[in-house]
Amino acid sequence: MRRSYLANGGTTQYKDTSQMLEEENEHLENELKGKVKALRSLTIDIGVEVREQNKWLSQMDEDMETSGGLLSKTMGRLKSITNAGHWKIWLYIILFAFFVFFMCWVIIRFR
């Protein structure tokens, strides 16, 4: 029975089905390749962005260390002024602060 089916052209139907499945597999394979390429590209872009962000963070860390050193030196100078008892310098600092606040108030008030 099977031989008669194969003799009557059953193999052509099998070949058509197999060819159709092969084409579908190739189509799905091409889609998968496209998705893998997109994912690979995205991964590379993420890696580049991470390296760039790390570089910026290290530069920001160096800037903060520099600012910390400057601030500690300034605080040391202010302590030395306080210990020396230079009341005129403190008066100038207070007057300067009031002047800055007054100018900010004027600018904001009359804008």
PDB file of N, CA and C in Angstrom:
ATOM      1  N   MET A   1       0.817  -1.168   0.000  1.00  0.00           N
ATOM      2  CA  MET A   1       0.000   0.000   0.000  1.00  0.00           C
ATOM      3  C   MET A   1       0.876   1.253   0.000  1.00  0.00           C
ATOM      4  N   ARG A   2       1.890   1.212   0.778  1.00  0.00           N
ATOM      5  CA  ARG A   2       2.774   2.356   0.846  1.00  0.00           C
ATOM      6  C   ARG A   2       3.493   2.555  -0.485  1.00  0.00           C
ATOM      7  N   ARG A   3       3.882   1.446  -1.107  1.00  0.00           N
ATOM      8  CA  ARG A   3       4.590   1.543  -2.388  1.00  0.00           C
ATOM      9  C   ARG A   3       3.692   2.121  -3.452  1.00  0.00           C
ATOM     10  N   SER A   4       2.445   1.785  -3.411  1.00  0.00           N
ATOM     11  CA  SER A   4       1.547   2.326  -4.427  1.00  0.00           C
ATOM     12  C   SER A   4       1.356   3.829  -4.209  1.00  0.00           C
ATOM     13  N   TYR A   5       1.357   4.257  -2.961  1.00  0.00           N
ATOM     14  CA  TYR A   5       1.221   5.679  -2.669  1.00  0.00           C
ATOM     15  C   TYR A   5       2.432   6.436  -3.182  1.00  0.00           C
ATOM     16  N   LEU A   6       3.619   5.874  -2.946  1.00  0.00           N
ATOM     17  CA  LEU A   6       4.832   6.517  -3.428  1.00  0.00           C
ATOM     18  C   LEU A   6       4.915   6.478  -4.953  1.00  0.00           C
ATOM     19  N   ALA A   7       4.414   5.439  -5.530  1.00  0.00           N
ATOM     20  CA  ALA A   7       4.460   5.323  -6.978  1.00  0.00           C
ATOM     21  C   ALA A   7       3.495   6.293  -7.644  1.00  0.00           C
ATOM     22  N   ASN A   8       2.425   6.642  -6.945  1.00  0.00           N
ATOM     23  CA  ASN A   8       1.427   7.538  -7.532  1.00  0.00           C
ATOM     24  C   ASN A   8       1.778   9.013  -7.358  1.00  0.00           C
ATOM     25  N   GLY A   9       2.916   9.333  -6.874  1.00  0.00           N
ATOM     26  CA  GLY A   9       3.310  10.734  -6.770  1.00  0.00           C
ATOM     27  C   GLY A   9       3.244  11.280  -5.362  1.00  0.00           C
ATOM     28  N   GLY A  10       3.180  10.464  -4.373  1.00  0.00           N
ATOM     29  CA  GLY A  10       3.153  10.915  -2.993  1.00  0.00           C
ATOM     30  C   GLY A  10       4.428  11.629  -2.587  1.00  0.00           C
ATOM     31  N   THR A  11       5.507  11.330  -3.242  1.00  0.00           N
ATOM     32  CA  THR A  11       6.784  11.966  -2.906  1.00  0.00           C
ATOM     33  C   THR A  11       6.786  13.433  -3.304  1.00  0.00           C
ATOM     34  N   THR A  12       6.079  13.792  -4.351  1.00  0.00           N
ATOM     35  CA  THR A  12       6.054  15.211  -4.750  1.00  0.00           C
ATOM     36  C   THR A  12       5.370  16.047  -3.679  1.00  0.00           C
ATOM     37  N   GLN A  13       4.318  15.497  -3.072  1.00  0.00           N
ATOM     38  CA  GLN A  13       3.650  16.230  -2.004  1.00  0.00           C
ATOM     39  C   GLN A  13       4.590  16.355  -0.804  1.00  0.00           C
ATOM     40  N   TYR A  14       5.323  15.293  -0.521  1.00  0.00           N
ATOM     41  CA  TYR A  14       6.281  15.325   0.578  1.00  0.00           C
ATOM     42  C   TYR A  14       7.386  16.331   0.279  1.00  0.00           C
ATOM     43  N   LYS A  15       7.848  16.383  -0.965  1.00  0.00           N
ATOM     44  CA  LYS A  15       8.889  17.334  -1.348  1.00  0.00           C
ATOM     45  C   LYS A  15       8.382  18.760  -1.236  1.00  0.00           C
ATOM     46  N   ASP A  16       7.131  19.010  -1.645  1.00  0.00           N
ATOM     47  CA  ASP A  16       6.569  20.359  -1.542  1.00  0.00           C
ATOM     48  C   ASP A  16       6.468  20.789  -0.085  1.00  0.00           C
ATOM     49  N   THR A  17       6.027  19.899   0.777  1.00  0.00           N
ATOM     50  CA  THR A  17       5.908  20.212   2.202  1.00  0.00           C
ATOM     51  C   THR A  17       7.280  20.447   2.813  1.00  0.00           C
ATOM     52  N   SER A  18       8.204  19.608   2.448  1.00  0.00           N
ATOM     53  CA  SER A  18       9.560  19.759   2.970  1.00  0.00           C
ATOM     54  C   SER A  18      10.189  21.056   2.468  1.00  0.00           C
ATOM     55  N   GLN A  19       9.957  21.396   1.211  1.00  0.00           N
ATOM     56  CA  GLN A  19      10.496  22.644   0.666  1.00  0.00           C
ATOM     57  C   GLN A  19       9.848  23.843   1.352  1.00  0.00           C
ATOM     58  N   MET A  20       8.558  23.770   1.604  1.00  0.00           N
ATOM     59  CA  MET A  20       7.861  24.857   2.277  1.00  0.00           C
ATOM     60  C   MET A  20       8.390  25.033   3.708  1.00  0.00           C
ATOM     61  N   LEU A  21       8.610  23.914   4.403  1.00  0.00           N
ATOM     62  CA  LEU A  21       9.159  23.994   5.751  1.00  0.00           C
ATOM     63  C   LEU A  21      10.578  24.546   5.738  1.00  0.00           C
ATOM     64  N   GLU A  22      11.346  24.153   4.745  1.00  0.00           N
ATOM     65  CA  GLU A  22      12.722  24.652   4.620  1.00  0.00           C
ATOM     66  C   GLU A  22      12.725  26.162   4.388  1.00  0.00           C
ATOM     67  N   GLU A  23      11.833  26.648   3.529  1.00  0.00           N
ATOM     68  CA  GLU A  23      11.746  28.088   3.272  1.00  0.00           C
ATOM     69  C   GLU A  23      11.308  28.835   4.527  1.00  0.00           C
ATOM     70  N   GLU A  24      10.370  28.258   5.250  1.00  0.00           N
ATOM     71  CA  GLU A  24       9.914  28.893   6.486  1.00  0.00           C
ATOM     72  C   GLU A  24      11.045  28.936   7.511  1.00  0.00           C
ATOM     73  N   ASN A  25      11.801  27.854   7.591  1.00  0.00           N
ATOM     74  CA  ASN A  25      12.948  27.821   8.508  1.00  0.00           C
ATOM     75  C   ASN A  25      13.991  28.860   8.123  1.00  0.00           C
ATOM     76  N   GLU A  26      14.260  29.010   6.833  1.00  0.00           N
ATOM     77  CA  GLU A  26      15.220  30.017   6.375  1.00  0.00           C
ATOM     78  C   GLU A  26      14.718  31.426   6.711  1.00  0.00           C
ATOM     79  N   HIS A  27      13.426  31.650   6.516  1.00  0.00           N
ATOM     80  CA  HIS A  27      12.851  32.959   6.827  1.00  0.00           C
ATOM     81  C   HIS A  27      12.986  33.257   8.330  1.00  0.00           C
ATOM     82  N   LEU A  28      12.649  32.288   9.162  1.00  0.00           N
ATOM     83  CA  LEU A  28      12.777  32.465  10.612  1.00  0.00           C
ATOM     84  C   LEU A  28      14.236  32.642  11.022  1.00  0.00           C
ATOM     85  N   GLU A  29      15.125  31.920  10.348  1.00  0.00           N
ATOM     86  CA  GLU A  29      16.553  32.047  10.630  1.00  0.00           C
ATOM     87  C   GLU A  29      17.041  33.455  10.295  1.00  0.00           C
ATOM     88  N   ASN A  30      16.598  33.999   9.166  1.00  0.00           N
ATOM     89  CA  ASN A  30      16.984  35.356   8.786  1.00  0.00           C
ATOM     90  C   ASN A  30      16.445  36.384   9.781  1.00  0.00           C
ATOM     91  N   GLU A  31      15.208  36.179  10.239  1.00  0.00           N
ATOM     92  CA  GLU A  31      14.658  37.079  11.248  1.00  0.00           C
ATOM     93  C   GLU A  31      15.475  37.018  12.531  1.00  0.00           C
ATOM     94  N   LEU A  32      15.846  35.817  12.933  1.00  0.00           N
ATOM     95  CA  LEU A  32      16.640  35.642  14.141  1.00  0.00           C
ATOM     96  C   LEU A  32      18.016  36.287  13.989  1.00  0.00           C
ATOM     97  N   LYS A  33      18.623  36.150  12.809  1.00  0.00           N
ATOM     98  CA  LYS A  33      19.914  36.792  12.567  1.00  0.00           C
ATOM     99  C   LYS A  33      19.797  38.305  12.694  1.00  0.00           C
ATOM    100  N   GLY A  34      18.711  38.873  12.158  1.00  0.00           N
ATOM    101  CA  GLY A  34      18.494  40.316  12.272  1.00  0.00           C
ATOM    102  C   GLY A  34      18.346  40.754  13.720  1.00  0.00           C
ATOM    103  N   LYS A  35      17.614  39.972  14.492  1.00  0.00           N
ATOM    104  CA  LYS A  35      17.443  40.311  15.904  1.00  0.00           C
ATOM    105  C   LYS A  35      18.746  40.185  16.665  1.00  0.00           C
ATOM    106  N   VAL A  36      19.547  39.177  16.336  1.00  0.00           N
ATOM    107  CA  VAL A  36      20.843  39.001  16.999  1.00  0.00           C
ATOM    108  C   VAL A  36      21.767  40.167  16.659  1.00  0.00           C
ATOM    109  N   LYS A  37      21.759  40.609  15.391  1.00  0.00           N
ATOM    110  CA  LYS A  37      22.583  41.757  14.996  1.00  0.00           C
ATOM    111  C   LYS A  37      22.151  43.014  15.744  1.00  0.00           C
ATOM    112  N   ALA A  38      20.830  43.225  15.851  1.00  0.00           N
ATOM    113  CA  ALA A  38      20.337  44.394  16.576  1.00  0.00           C
ATOM    114  C   ALA A  38      20.726  44.329  18.047  1.00  0.00           C
ATOM    115  N   LEU A  39      20.623  43.151  18.641  1.00  0.00           N
ATOM    116  CA  LEU A  39      20.991  42.976  20.038  1.00  0.00           C
ATOM    117  C   LEU A  39      22.490  43.190  20.242  1.00  0.00           C
ATOM    118  N   ARG A  40      23.276  42.694  19.317  1.00  0.00           N
ATOM    119  CA  ARG A  40      24.732  42.875  19.404  1.00  0.00           C
ATOM    120  C   ARG A  40      25.091  44.352  19.299  1.00  0.00           C
ATOM    121  N   SER A  41      24.448  45.052  18.362  1.00  0.00           N
ATOM    122  CA  SER A  41      24.690  46.482  18.200  1.00  0.00           C
ATOM    123  C   SER A  41      24.296  47.244  19.466  1.00  0.00           C
ATOM    124  N   LEU A  42      23.153  46.887  20.032  1.00  0.00           N
ATOM    125  CA  LEU A  42      22.700  47.531  21.259  1.00  0.00           C
ATOM    126  C   LEU A  42      23.667  47.271  22.406  1.00  0.00           C
ATOM    127  N   THR A  43      24.170  46.060  22.503  1.00  0.00           N
ATOM    128  CA  THR A  43      25.121  45.709  23.558  1.00  0.00           C
ATOM    129  C   THR A  43      26.414  46.503  23.408  1.00  0.00           C
ATOM    130  N   ILE A  44      26.882  46.657  22.191  1.00  0.00           N
ATOM    131  CA  ILE A  44      28.099  47.440  21.947  1.00  0.00           C
ATOM    132  C   ILE A  44      27.867  48.895  22.328  1.00  0.00           C
ATOM    133  N   ASP A  45      26.707  49.444  21.962  1.00  0.00           N
ATOM    134  CA  ASP A  45      26.388  50.829  22.311  1.00  0.00           C
ATOM    135  C   ASP A  45      26.316  51.019  23.823  1.00  0.00           C
ATOM    136  N   ILE A  46      25.749  50.039  24.516  1.00  0.00           N
ATOM    137  CA  ILE A  46      25.679  50.114  25.978  1.00  0.00           C
ATOM    138  C   ILE A  46      27.088  50.097  26.567  1.00  0.00           C
ATOM    139  N   GLY A  47      27.951  49.260  26.031  1.00  0.00           N
ATOM    140  CA  GLY A  47      29.332  49.200  26.517  1.00  0.00           C
ATOM    141  C   GLY A  47      30.065  50.514  26.324  1.00  0.00           C
ATOM    142  N   VAL A  48      29.871  51.133  25.162  1.00  0.00           N
ATOM    143  CA  VAL A  48      30.502  52.430  24.894  1.00  0.00           C
ATOM    144  C   VAL A  48      29.975  53.475  25.876  1.00  0.00           C
ATOM    145  N   GLU A  49      28.672  53.489  26.094  1.00  0.00           N
ATOM    146  CA  GLU A  49      28.068  54.454  27.017  1.00  0.00           C
ATOM    147  C   GLU A  49      28.565  54.239  28.441  1.00  0.00           C
ATOM    148  N   VAL A  50      28.703  53.001  28.863  1.00  0.00           N
ATOM    149  CA  VAL A  50      29.192  52.716  30.219  1.00  0.00           C
ATOM    150  C   VAL A  50      30.628  53.202  30.379  1.00  0.00           C
ATOM    151  N   ARG A  51      31.472  52.955  29.374  1.00  0.00           N
ATOM    152  CA  ARG A  51      32.863  53.431  29.452  1.00  0.00           C
ATOM    153  C   ARG A  51      32.907  54.954  29.538  1.00  0.00           C
ATOM    154  N   GLU A  52      32.075  55.618  28.745  1.00  0.00           N
ATOM    155  CA  GLU A  52      32.052  57.076  28.746  1.00  0.00           C
ATOM    156  C   GLU A  52      31.561  57.609  30.097  1.00  0.00           C
ATOM    157  N   GLN A  53      30.533  56.997  30.642  1.00  0.00           N
ATOM    158  CA  GLN A  53      30.014  57.428  31.942  1.00  0.00           C
ATOM    159  C   GLN A  53      31.055  57.189  33.049  1.00  0.00           C
ATOM    160  N   ASN A  54      31.768  56.085  32.984  1.00  0.00           N
ATOM    161  CA  ASN A  54      32.817  55.814  33.969  1.00  0.00           C
ATOM    162  C   ASN A  54      33.926  56.855  33.890  1.00  0.00           C
ATOM    163  N   LYS A  55      34.259  57.261  32.667  1.00  0.00           N
ATOM    164  CA  LYS A  55      35.281  58.292  32.492  1.00  0.00           C
ATOM    165  C   LYS A  55      34.817  59.607  33.112  1.00  0.00           C
ATOM    166  N   TRP A  56      33.554  59.970  32.879  1.00  0.00           N
ATOM    167  CA  TRP A  56      33.014  61.206  33.450  1.00  0.00           C
ATOM    168  C   TRP A  56      32.968  61.128  34.974  1.00  0.00           C
ATOM    169  N   LEU A  57      32.600  59.961  35.504  1.00  0.00           N
ATOM    170  CA  LEU A  57      32.553  59.811  36.955  1.00  0.00           C
ATOM    171  C   LEU A  57      33.932  59.945  37.586  1.00  0.00           C
ATOM    172  N   SER A  58      34.938  59.364  36.945  1.00  0.00           N
ATOM    173  CA  SER A  58      36.294  59.486  37.493  1.00  0.00           C
ATOM    174  C   SER A  58      36.778  60.930  37.425  1.00  0.00           C
ATOM    175  N   GLN A  59      36.427  61.631  36.345  1.00  0.00           N
ATOM    176  CA  GLN A  59      36.802  63.039  36.238  1.00  0.00           C
ATOM    177  C   GLN A  59      36.062  63.864  37.299  1.00  0.00           C
ATOM    178  N   MET A  60      34.798  63.544  37.539  1.00  0.00           N
ATOM    179  CA  MET A  60      34.030  64.247  38.562  1.00  0.00           C
ATOM    180  C   MET A  60      34.610  63.974  39.947  1.00  0.00           C
ATOM    181  N   ASP A  61      35.065  62.753  40.166  1.00  0.00           N
ATOM    182  CA  ASP A  61      35.676  62.408  41.446  1.00  0.00           C
ATOM    183  C   ASP A  61      36.950  63.216  41.665  1.00  0.00           C
ATOM    184  N   GLU A  62      37.768  63.352  40.624  1.00  0.00           N
ATOM    185  CA  GLU A  62      38.988  64.155  40.727  1.00  0.00           C
ATOM    186  C   GLU A  62      38.655  65.615  41.012  1.00  0.00           C
ATOM    187  N   ASP A  63      37.621  66.132  40.355  1.00  0.00           N
ATOM    188  CA  ASP A  63      37.210  67.521  40.592  1.00  0.00           C
ATOM    189  C   ASP A  63      36.729  67.721  42.023  1.00  0.00           C
ATOM    190  N   MET A  64      35.990  66.735  42.545  1.00  0.00           N
ATOM    191  CA  MET A  64      35.505  66.835  43.924  1.00  0.00           C
ATOM    192  C   MET A  64      36.673  66.797  44.907  1.00  0.00           C
ATOM    193  N   GLU A  65      37.675  65.974  44.633  1.00  0.00           N
ATOM    194  CA  GLU A  65      38.852  65.933  45.505  1.00  0.00           C
ATOM    195  C   GLU A  65      39.574  67.274  45.484  1.00  0.00           C
ATOM    196  N   THR A  66      39.688  67.874  44.313  1.00  0.00           N
ATOM    197  CA  THR A  66      40.327  69.180  44.194  1.00  0.00           C
ATOM    198  C   THR A  66      39.533  70.233  44.960  1.00  0.00           C
ATOM    199  N   SER A  67      38.214  70.187  44.814  1.00  0.00           N
ATOM    200  CA  SER A  67      37.363  71.142  45.522  1.00  0.00           C
ATOM    201  C   SER A  67      37.447  70.931  47.025  1.00  0.00           C
ATOM    202  N   GLY A  68      37.533  69.683  47.452  1.00  0.00           N
ATOM    203  CA  GLY A  68      37.675  69.402  48.877  1.00  0.00           C
ATOM    204  C   GLY A  68      38.964  69.968  49.437  1.00  0.00           C
ATOM    205  N   GLY A  69      40.041  69.842  48.671  1.00  0.00           N
ATOM    206  CA  GLY A  69      41.315  70.408  49.102  1.00  0.00           C
ATOM    207  C   GLY A  69      41.254  71.919  49.197  1.00  0.00           C
ATOM    208  N   LEU A  70      40.628  72.555  48.224  1.00  0.00           N
ATOM    209  CA  LEU A  70      40.480  74.007  48.233  1.00  0.00           C
ATOM    210  C   LEU A  70      39.623  74.450  49.411  1.00  0.00           C
ATOM    211  N   LEU A  71      38.539  73.719  49.666  1.00  0.00           N
ATOM    212  CA  LEU A  71      37.659  74.061  50.777  1.00  0.00           C
ATOM    213  C   LEU A  71      38.364  73.887  52.122  1.00  0.00           C
ATOM    214  N   SER A  72      39.149  72.818  52.264  1.00  0.00           N
ATOM    215  CA  SER A  72      39.862  72.617  53.534  1.00  0.00           C
ATOM    216  C   SER A  72      40.915  73.708  53.750  1.00  0.00           C
ATOM    217  N   LYS A  73      41.566  74.138  52.684  1.00  0.00           N
ATOM    218  CA  LYS A  73      42.527  75.242  52.821  1.00  0.00           C
ATOM    219  C   LYS A  73      41.824  76.530  53.221  1.00  0.00           C
ATOM    220  N   THR A  74      40.679  76.784  52.630  1.00  0.00           N
ATOM    221  CA  THR A  74      39.919  77.989  52.958  1.00  0.00           C
ATOM    222  C   THR A  74      39.446  77.951  54.407  1.00  0.00           C
ATOM    223  N   MET A  75      38.970  76.791  54.842  1.00  0.00           N
ATOM    224  CA  MET A  75      38.533  76.666  56.243  1.00  0.00           C
ATOM    225  C   MET A  75      39.716  76.866  57.192  1.00  0.00           C
ATOM    226  N   GLY A  76      40.876  76.374  56.806  1.00  0.00           N
ATOM    227  CA  GLY A  76      42.079  76.583  57.629  1.00  0.00           C
ATOM    228  C   GLY A  76      42.421  78.053  57.738  1.00  0.00           C
ATOM    229  N   ARG A  77      42.295  78.778  56.637  1.00  0.00           N
ATOM    230  CA  ARG A  77      42.571  80.224  56.666  1.00  0.00           C
ATOM    231  C   ARG A  77      41.559  80.948  57.543  1.00  0.00           C
ATOM    232  N   LEU A  78      40.291  80.553  57.441  1.00  0.00           N
ATOM    233  CA  LEU A  78      39.277  81.186  58.274  1.00  0.00           C
ATOM    234  C   LEU A  78      39.518  80.904  59.750  1.00  0.00           C
ATOM    235  N   LYS A  79      39.962  79.689  60.054  1.00  0.00           N
ATOM    236  CA  LYS A  79      40.280  79.367  61.454  1.00  0.00           C
ATOM    237  C   LYS A  79      41.449  80.205  61.956  1.00  0.00           C
ATOM    238  N   SER A  80      42.439  80.395  61.079  1.00  0.00           N
ATOM    239  CA  SER A  80      43.586  81.211  61.498  1.00  0.00           C
ATOM    240  C   SER A  80      43.170  82.665  61.704  1.00  0.00           C
ATOM    241  N   ILE A  81      42.224  83.137  60.871  1.00  0.00           N
ATOM    242  CA  ILE A  81      41.720  84.503  61.062  1.00  0.00           C
ATOM    243  C   ILE A  81      40.969  84.592  62.387  1.00  0.00           C
ATOM    244  N   THR A  82      40.172  83.569  62.676  1.00  0.00           N
ATOM    245  CA  THR A  82      39.405  83.555  63.920  1.00  0.00           C
ATOM    246  C   THR A  82      40.330  83.526  65.127  1.00  0.00           C
ATOM    247  N   ASN A  83      41.349  82.709  65.051  1.00  0.00           N
ATOM    248  CA  ASN A  83      42.285  82.604  66.174  1.00  0.00           C
ATOM    249  C   ASN A  83      43.109  83.875  66.347  1.00  0.00           C
ATOM    250  N   ALA A  84      43.381  84.580  65.260  1.00  0.00           N
ATOM    251  CA  ALA A  84      44.182  85.795  65.347  1.00  0.00           C
ATOM    252  C   ALA A  84      43.364  86.948  65.903  1.00  0.00           C
ATOM    253  N   GLY A  85      42.042  86.882  65.804  1.00  0.00           N
ATOM    254  CA  GLY A  85      41.203  87.932  66.371  1.00  0.00           C
ATOM    255  C   GLY A  85      41.115  89.164  65.498  1.00  0.00           C
ATOM    256  N   HIS A  86      41.191  89.023  64.233  1.00  0.00           N
ATOM    257  CA  HIS A  86      41.081  90.150  63.303  1.00  0.00           C
ATOM    258  C   HIS A  86      39.605  90.477  63.124  1.00  0.00           C
ATOM    259  N   TRP A  87      39.070  91.334  63.964  1.00  0.00           N
ATOM    260  CA  TRP A  87      37.645  91.627  63.924  1.00  0.00           C
ATOM    261  C   TRP A  87      37.265  92.451  62.706  1.00  0.00           C
ATOM    262  N   LYS A  88      38.214  93.210  62.162  1.00  0.00           N
ATOM    263  CA  LYS A  88      37.902  94.025  60.977  1.00  0.00           C
ATOM    264  C   LYS A  88      37.648  93.136  59.751  1.00  0.00           C
ATOM    265  N   ILE A  89      38.417  92.074  59.639  1.00  0.00           N
ATOM    266  CA  ILE A  89      38.228  91.173  58.508  1.00  0.00           C
ATOM    267  C   ILE A  89      36.873  90.492  58.603  1.00  0.00           C
ATOM    268  N   TRP A  90      36.477  90.093  59.823  1.00  0.00           N
ATOM    269  CA  TRP A  90      35.148  89.476  60.002  1.00  0.00           C
ATOM    270  C   TRP A  90      34.045  90.480  59.677  1.00  0.00           C
ATOM    271  N   LEU A  91      34.242  91.722  60.032  1.00  0.00           N
ATOM    272  CA  LEU A  91      33.268  92.759  59.713  1.00  0.00           C
ATOM    273  C   LEU A  91      33.135  92.914  58.202  1.00  0.00           C
ATOM    274  N   TYR A  92      34.258  92.914  57.491  1.00  0.00           N
ATOM    275  CA  TYR A  92      34.226  93.009  56.030  1.00  0.00           C
ATOM    276  C   TYR A  92      33.507  91.804  55.408  1.00  0.00           C
ATOM    277  N   ILE A  93      33.760  90.637  55.947  1.00  0.00           N
ATOM    278  CA  ILE A  93      33.112  89.423  55.424  1.00  0.00           C
ATOM    279  C   ILE A  93      31.599  89.508  55.630  1.00  0.00           C
ATOM    280  N   ILE A  94      31.177  89.944  56.808  1.00  0.00           N
ATOM    281  CA  ILE A  94      29.745  90.061  57.099  1.00  0.00           C
ATOM    282  C   ILE A  94      29.106  91.124  56.220  1.00  0.00           C
ATOM    283  N   LEU A  95      29.758  92.266  56.062  1.00  0.00           N
ATOM    284  CA  LEU A  95      29.225  93.323  55.197  1.00  0.00           C
ATOM    285  C   LEU A  95      29.136  92.851  53.740  1.00  0.00           C
ATOM    286  N   PHE A  96      30.138  92.129  53.303  1.00  0.00           N
ATOM    287  CA  PHE A  96      30.112  91.595  51.936  1.00  0.00           C
ATOM    288  C   PHE A  96      28.938  90.626  51.759  1.00  0.00           C
ATOM    289  N   ALA A  97      28.719  89.754  52.740  1.00  0.00           N
ATOM    290  CA  ALA A  97      27.597  88.804  52.656  1.00  0.00           C
ATOM    291  C   ALA A  97      26.268  89.551  52.600  1.00  0.00           C
ATOM    292  N   PHE A  98      26.099  90.584  53.461  1.00  0.00           N
ATOM    293  CA  PHE A  98      24.864  91.373  53.409  1.00  0.00           C
ATOM    294  C   PHE A  98      24.691  92.058  52.064  1.00  0.00           C
ATOM    295  N   PHE A  99      25.783  92.572  51.506  1.00  0.00           N
ATOM    296  CA  PHE A  99      25.712  93.226  50.197  1.00  0.00           C
ATOM    297  C   PHE A  99      25.282  92.242  49.109  1.00  0.00           C
ATOM    298  N   VAL A 100      25.837  91.049  49.130  1.00  0.00           N
ATOM    299  CA  VAL A 100      25.474  90.031  48.131  1.00  0.00           C
ATOM    300  C   VAL A 100      23.999  89.658  48.265  1.00  0.00           C
ATOM    301  N   PHE A 101      23.541  89.430  49.500  1.00  0.00           N
ATOM    302  CA  PHE A 101      22.132  89.090  49.698  1.00  0.00           C
ATOM    303  C   PHE A 101      21.214  90.235  49.282  1.00  0.00           C
ATOM    304  N   PHE A 102      21.623  91.472  49.590  1.00  0.00           N
ATOM    305  CA  PHE A 102      20.820  92.623  49.194  1.00  0.00           C
ATOM    306  C   PHE A 102      20.730  92.740  47.672  1.00  0.00           C
ATOM    307  N   MET A 103      21.834  92.536  46.974  1.00  0.00           N
ATOM    308  CA  MET A 103      21.824  92.608  45.502  1.00  0.00           C
ATOM    309  C   MET A 103      20.952  91.502  44.916  1.00  0.00           C
ATOM    310  N   CYS A 104      21.023  90.309  45.487  1.00  0.00           N
ATOM    311  CA  CYS A 104      20.153  89.223  45.015  1.00  0.00           C
ATOM    312  C   CYS A 104      18.690  89.577  45.231  1.00  0.00           C
ATOM    313  N   TRP A 105      18.374  90.172  46.383  1.00  0.00           N
ATOM    314  CA  TRP A 105      16.995  90.563  46.669  1.00  0.00           C
ATOM    315  C   TRP A 105      16.518  91.622  45.681  1.00  0.00           C
ATOM    316  N   VAL A 106      17.384  92.599  45.383  1.00  0.00           N
ATOM    317  CA  VAL A 106      17.017  93.668  44.444  1.00  0.00           C
ATOM    318  C   VAL A 106      16.777  93.084  43.059  1.00  0.00           C
ATOM    319  N   ILE A 107      17.630  92.187  42.624  1.00  0.00           N
ATOM    320  CA  ILE A 107      17.496  91.599  41.290  1.00  0.00           C
ATOM    321  C   ILE A 107      16.212  90.783  41.200  1.00  0.00           C
ATOM    322  N   ILE A 108      15.923  90.005  42.215  1.00  0.00           N
ATOM    323  CA  ILE A 108      14.712  89.181  42.200  1.00  0.00           C
ATOM    324  C   ILE A 108      13.471  90.055  42.341  1.00  0.00           C
ATOM    325  N   ARG A 109      13.518  91.078  43.172  1.00  0.00           N
ATOM    326  CA  ARG A 109      12.358  91.931  43.445  1.00  0.00           C
ATOM    327  C   ARG A 109      11.952  92.737  42.204  1.00  0.00           C
ATOM    328  N   PHE A 110      12.904  93.302  41.473  1.00  0.00           N
ATOM    329  CA  PHE A 110      12.597  94.206  40.361  1.00  0.00           C
ATOM    330  C   PHE A 110      12.748  93.553  38.990  1.00  0.00           C
ATOM    331  N   ARG A 111      12.617  92.302  38.937  1.00  0.00           N
ATOM    332  CA  ARG A 111      12.709  91.606  37.646  1.00  0.00           C
ATOM    333  C   ARG A 111      11.518  91.762  36.840  1.00  0.00           C
TER     334      ARG A 111
END
